[in-house]
C-alpha atoms as a PDB file:
ATOM      1  CA  MET A   1    -208.486 -83.506  39.638  1.00  0.00           C
ATOM      2  CA  PRO A   2    -206.378 -80.392  40.462  1.00  0.00           C
ATOM      3  CA  SER A   3    -207.423 -80.558  44.104  1.00  0.00           C
ATOM      4  CA  ALA A   4    -206.143 -84.137  44.363  1.00  0.00           C
ATOM      5  CA  ALA A   5    -202.720 -83.023  43.133  1.00  0.00           C
ATOM      6  CA  PHE A   6    -202.590 -80.291  45.727  1.00  0.00           C
ATOM      7  CA  ILE A   7    -203.699 -82.560  48.564  1.00  0.00           C
ATOM      8  CA  CYS A   8    -200.572 -84.701  48.255  1.00  0.00           C
ATOM      9  CA  CYS A   9    -198.250 -81.764  47.651  1.00  0.00           C
ATOM     10  CA  PRO A  10    -197.473 -79.753  50.793  1.00  0.00           C
ATOM     11  CA  CYS A  11    -195.524 -77.089  48.896  1.00  0.00           C
ATOM     12  CA  ARG A  12    -198.565 -76.275  46.691  1.00  0.00           C
ATOM     13  CA  ASP A  13    -196.326 -75.714  43.669  1.00  0.00           C
ATOM     14  CA  ALA A  14    -198.234 -76.541  40.467  1.00  0.00           C
ATOM     15  CA  LEU A  15    -195.258 -78.024  38.593  1.00  0.00           C
ATOM     16  CA  HIS A  16    -194.175 -80.098  41.570  1.00  0.00           C
ATOM     17  CA  ALA A  17    -197.729 -81.250  42.208  1.00  0.00           C
ATOM     18  CA  SER A  18    -198.395 -82.202  38.606  1.00  0.00           C
ATOM     19  CA  LEU A  19    -195.093 -83.972  37.866  1.00  0.00           C
ATOM     20  CA  LEU A  20    -193.805 -85.423  41.115  1.00  0.00           C
ATOM     21  CA  CYS A  21    -197.098 -86.192  42.823  1.00  0.00           C
ATOM     22  CA  ALA A  22    -198.893 -87.318  39.648  1.00  0.00           C
ATOM     23  CA  PRO A  23    -197.875 -90.981  40.053  1.00  0.00           C
ATOM     24  CA  LEU A  24    -199.233 -90.939  43.608  1.00  0.00           C
ATOM     25  CA  ILE A  25    -202.711 -90.098  42.351  1.00  0.00           C
ATOM     26  CA  GLY A  26    -202.442 -92.313  39.255  1.00  0.00           C
ATOM     27  CA  LEU A  27    -201.922 -89.550  36.681  1.00  0.00           C
ATOM     28  CA  HIS A  28    -199.819 -90.205  33.565  1.00  0.00           C
ATOM     29  CA  LYS A  29    -196.945 -87.739  33.000  1.00  0.00           C
ATOM     30  CA  THR A  30    -198.510 -86.368  29.773  1.00  0.00           C
ATOM     31  CA  HIS A  31    -201.767 -85.674  31.550  1.00  0.00           C
ATOM     32  CA  ALA A  32    -199.805 -84.193  34.443  1.00  0.00           C
ATOM     33  CA  MET A  33    -198.191 -81.652  32.111  1.00  0.00           C
ATOM     34  CA  ARG A  34    -201.622 -80.694  30.758  1.00  0.00           C
ATOM     35  CA  LEU A  35    -202.782 -80.316  34.342  1.00  0.00           C
ATOM     36  CA  TYR A  36    -199.765 -78.113  35.057  1.00  0.00           C
ATOM     37  CA  LYS A  37    -200.484 -75.891  32.054  1.00  0.00           C
ATOM     38  CA  THR A  38    -204.121 -75.590  33.104  1.00  0.00           C
ATOM     39  CA  LEU A  39    -203.173 -74.777  36.676  1.00  0.00           C
ATOM     40  CA  ASN A  40    -200.560 -72.337  35.434  1.00  0.00           C
ATOM     41  CA  PHE A  41    -203.268 -70.463  33.507  1.00  0.00           C
ATOM     42  CA  LEU A  42    -204.780 -69.592  36.865  1.00  0.00           C
ATOM     43  CA  ASN A  43    -201.622 -67.579  37.617  1.00  0.00           C
ATOM     44  CA  MET A  44    -201.970 -65.450  34.465  1.00  0.00           C
ATOM     45  CA  ASP A  45    -203.013 -61.847  34.768  1.00  0.00           C
ATOM     46  CA  VAL A  46    -206.387 -61.942  32.967  1.00  0.00           C
ATOM     47  CA  VAL A  47    -209.142 -59.603  34.178  1.00  0.00           C
ATOM     48  CA  ALA A  48    -212.718 -59.916  32.894  1.00  0.00           C
ATOM     49  CA  THR A  49    -214.502 -56.662  32.055  1.00  0.00           C
ATOM     50  CA  LYS A  50    -217.984 -55.875  30.727  1.00  0.00           C
ATOM     51  CA  SER A  51    -216.783 -55.800  27.130  1.00  0.00           C
ATOM     52  CA  GLY A  52    -214.025 -58.433  27.181  1.00  0.00           C
ATOM     53  CA  VAL A  53    -210.759 -59.051  29.021  1.00  0.00           C
ATOM     54  CA  ILE A  54    -207.633 -57.150  29.938  1.00  0.00           C
ATOM     55  CA  MET A  55    -204.573 -59.371  29.892  1.00  0.00           C
ATOM     56  CA  SER A  56    -200.845 -59.031  30.286  1.00  0.00           C
ATOM     57  CA  VAL A  57    -198.525 -60.233  27.547  1.00  0.00           C
ATOM     58  CA  ARG A  58    -194.759 -60.503  27.176  1.00  0.00           C
ATOM     59  CA  THR A  59    -193.514 -59.965  23.633  1.00  0.00           C
ATOM     60  CA  GLN A  60    -190.404 -61.310  21.962  1.00  0.00           C
ATOM     61  CA  PRO A  61    -189.824 -59.208  18.843  1.00  0.00           C
ATOM     62  CA  GLY A  62    -187.401 -60.314  16.123  1.00  0.00           C
ATOM     63  CA  SER A  63    -188.264 -63.997  16.493  1.00  0.00           C
ATOM     64  CA  SER A  64    -187.905 -66.497  13.654  1.00  0.00           C
ATOM     65  CA  LYS A  65    -191.696 -66.926  13.372  1.00  0.00           C
ATOM     66  CA  ASN A  66    -194.932 -65.548  14.795  1.00  0.00           C
ATOM     67  CA  ARG A  67    -196.270 -67.823  17.516  1.00  0.00           C
ATOM     68  CA  ILE A  68    -197.855 -68.035  20.931  1.00  0.00           C
ATOM     69  CA  ILE A  69    -195.285 -69.525  23.274  1.00  0.00           C
ATOM     70  CA  GLY A  70    -197.439 -69.890  26.394  1.00  0.00           C
ATOM     71  CA  GLU A  71    -197.433 -68.608  29.956  1.00  0.00           C
ATOM     72  CA  TYR A  72    -194.365 -66.704  31.176  1.00  0.00           C
ATOM     73  CA  GLY A  73    -194.243 -65.048  34.583  1.00  0.00           C
ATOM     74  CA  GLY A  74    -198.001 -64.526  34.792  1.00  0.00           C
ATOM     75  CA  ARG A  75    -198.209 -63.230  31.228  1.00  0.00           C
ATOM     76  CA  LEU A  76    -198.975 -64.757  27.844  1.00  0.00           C
ATOM     77  CA  LYS A  77    -195.687 -64.853  25.914  1.00  0.00           C
ATOM     78  CA  LEU A  78    -195.861 -64.048  22.199  1.00  0.00           C
ATOM     79  CA  ALA A  79    -193.048 -64.222  19.656  1.00  0.00           C
ATOM     80  CA  VAL A  80    -193.294 -62.020  16.557  1.00  0.00           C
ATOM     81  CA  THR A  81    -190.956 -61.613  13.598  1.00  0.00           C
ATOM     82  CA  ALA A  82    -191.387 -57.847  13.367  1.00  0.00           C
ATOM     83  CA  ALA A  83    -188.677 -55.567  14.700  1.00  0.00           C
ATOM     84  CA  PRO A  84    -189.461 -53.399  17.738  1.00  0.00           C
ATOM     85  CA  GLU A  85    -189.431 -50.129  15.834  1.00  0.00           C
ATOM     86  CA  LYS A  86    -192.159 -47.664  14.889  1.00  0.00           C
ATOM     87  CA  GLY A  87    -194.908 -49.902  16.296  1.00  0.00           C
ATOM     88  CA  LYS A  88    -194.244 -52.800  13.910  1.00  0.00           C
ATOM     89  CA  ALA A  89    -193.975 -55.366  16.714  1.00  0.00           C
ATOM     90  CA  ASN A  90    -197.134 -54.005  18.383  1.00  0.00           C
ATOM     91  CA  LYS A  91    -199.043 -54.386  15.122  1.00  0.00           C
ATOM     92  CA  ALA A  92    -197.706 -57.928  14.723  1.00  0.00           C
ATOM     93  CA  VAL A  93    -198.801 -58.817  18.292  1.00  0.00           C
ATOM     94  CA  ILE A  94    -202.308 -57.561  17.595  1.00  0.00           C
ATOM     95  CA  GLU A  95    -202.449 -59.459  14.274  1.00  0.00           C
ATOM     96  CA  LEU A  96    -201.235 -62.678  15.916  1.00  0.00           C
ATOM     97  CA  LEU A  97    -203.782 -62.547  18.737  1.00  0.00           C
ATOM     98  CA  ALA A  98    -206.620 -61.518  16.414  1.00  0.00           C
ATOM     99  CA  GLN A  99    -205.851 -64.457  14.137  1.00  0.00           C
ATOM    100  CA  ALA A 100    -205.562 -66.919  17.044  1.00  0.00           C
ATOM    101  CA  LEU A 101    -208.792 -65.750  18.700  1.00  0.00           C
ATOM    102  CA  ARG A 102    -210.595 -65.366  15.342  1.00  0.00           C
ATOM    103  CA  ILE A 103    -211.605 -61.766  16.020  1.00  0.00           C
ATOM    104  CA  CYS A 104    -210.952 -58.551  14.111  1.00  0.00           C
ATOM    105  CA  GLU A 105    -207.821 -56.548  14.893  1.00  0.00           C
ATOM    106  CA  SER A 106    -209.864 -53.506  15.913  1.00  0.00           C
ATOM    107  CA  SER A 107    -211.104 -55.497  18.939  1.00  0.00           C
ATOM    108  CA  ILE A 108    -207.609 -55.434  20.472  1.00  0.00           C
ATOM    109  CA  GLN A 109    -206.006 -52.304  21.904  1.00  0.00           C
ATOM    110  CA  ILE A 110    -202.777 -51.810  23.817  1.00  0.00           C
ATOM    111  CA  VAL A 111    -203.710 -50.288  27.176  1.00  0.00           C
ATOM    112  CA  SER A 112    -200.149 -49.874  28.441  1.00  0.00           C
ATOM    113  CA  GLY A 113    -196.600 -50.807  27.494  1.00  0.00           C
ATOM    114  CA  GLU A 114    -196.446 -49.686  23.871  1.00  0.00           C
ATOM    115  CA  SER A 115    -192.665 -49.281  24.070  1.00  0.00           C
ATOM    116  CA  SER A 116    -192.076 -52.202  26.453  1.00  0.00           C
ATOM    117  CA  ARG A 117    -191.919 -55.974  26.108  1.00  0.00           C
ATOM    118  CA  ASN A 118    -194.527 -56.209  28.879  1.00  0.00           C
ATOM    119  CA  LYS A 119    -197.911 -54.995  27.650  1.00  0.00           C
ATOM    120  CA  ARG A 120    -201.503 -54.927  28.837  1.00  0.00           C
ATOM    121  CA  LEU A 121    -204.074 -55.539  26.132  1.00  0.00           C
ATOM    122  CA  MET A 122    -207.799 -54.888  26.106  1.00  0.00           C
ATOM    123  CA  ILE A 123    -209.476 -57.602  24.032  1.00  0.00           C
ATOM    124  CA  GLU A 124    -213.151 -56.958  23.369  1.00  0.00           C
ATOM    125  CA  GLY A 125    -215.633 -59.727  22.685  1.00  0.00           C
ATOM    126  CA  VAL A 126    -213.763 -62.579  24.410  1.00  0.00           C
ATOM    127  CA  SER A 127    -213.959 -64.199  27.838  1.00  0.00           C
ATOM    128  CA  PRO A 128    -211.230 -65.632  30.086  1.00  0.00           C
ATOM    129  CA  ASP A 129    -212.434 -69.078  28.958  1.00  0.00           C
ATOM    130  CA  ASP A 130    -211.590 -68.148  25.346  1.00  0.00           C
ATOM    131  CA  ILE A 131    -208.060 -67.256  26.424  1.00  0.00           C
ATOM    132  CA  GLN A 132    -207.718 -70.529  28.320  1.00  0.00           C
ATOM    133  CA  SER A 133    -208.959 -72.574  25.355  1.00  0.00           C
ATOM    134  CA  LEU A 134    -206.459 -70.727  23.136  1.00  0.00           C
ATOM    135  CA  LEU A 135    -203.655 -71.770  25.476  1.00  0.00           C
ATOM    136  CA  ASN A 136    -204.891 -75.359  25.583  1.00  0.00           C
ATOM    137  CA  VAL A 137    -204.921 -75.559  21.770  1.00  0.00           C
ATOM    138  CA  GLN A 138    -201.447 -74.005  21.502  1.00  0.00           C
ATOM    139  CA  SER A 139    -199.939 -76.382  24.081  1.00  0.00           C
ATOM    140  CA  GLN A 140    -201.010 -79.552  22.246  1.00  0.00           C
END
């Protein structure tokens, strides 16, 4: 189905293809948004390794609740209630992802960006498909 959306869309923009060209290929707007979110996952920075994946995340510390927001600029955006001081937000990010992926916290390490909103995480024991299914569940 994604290829059909791109055939009718000369600009090859996923949002444009899924929303504006969806009626041309007989796709309902709700299904078009799901298609867009799936296509958008392909733009995320997720690298498979022997032991798991390395992925980029964007954190939003000091939020009203802990949640996975979705894709943001090629990264998975996470909102956490913890303040960005003394590693509290980093710990909250690891707890949130571990809970969402149903893995232990020790399987997630921050590779880079400990003092930045943009981080790279090594997540052992998961595949890129697990990350995609997590995003699909969160978007519904």
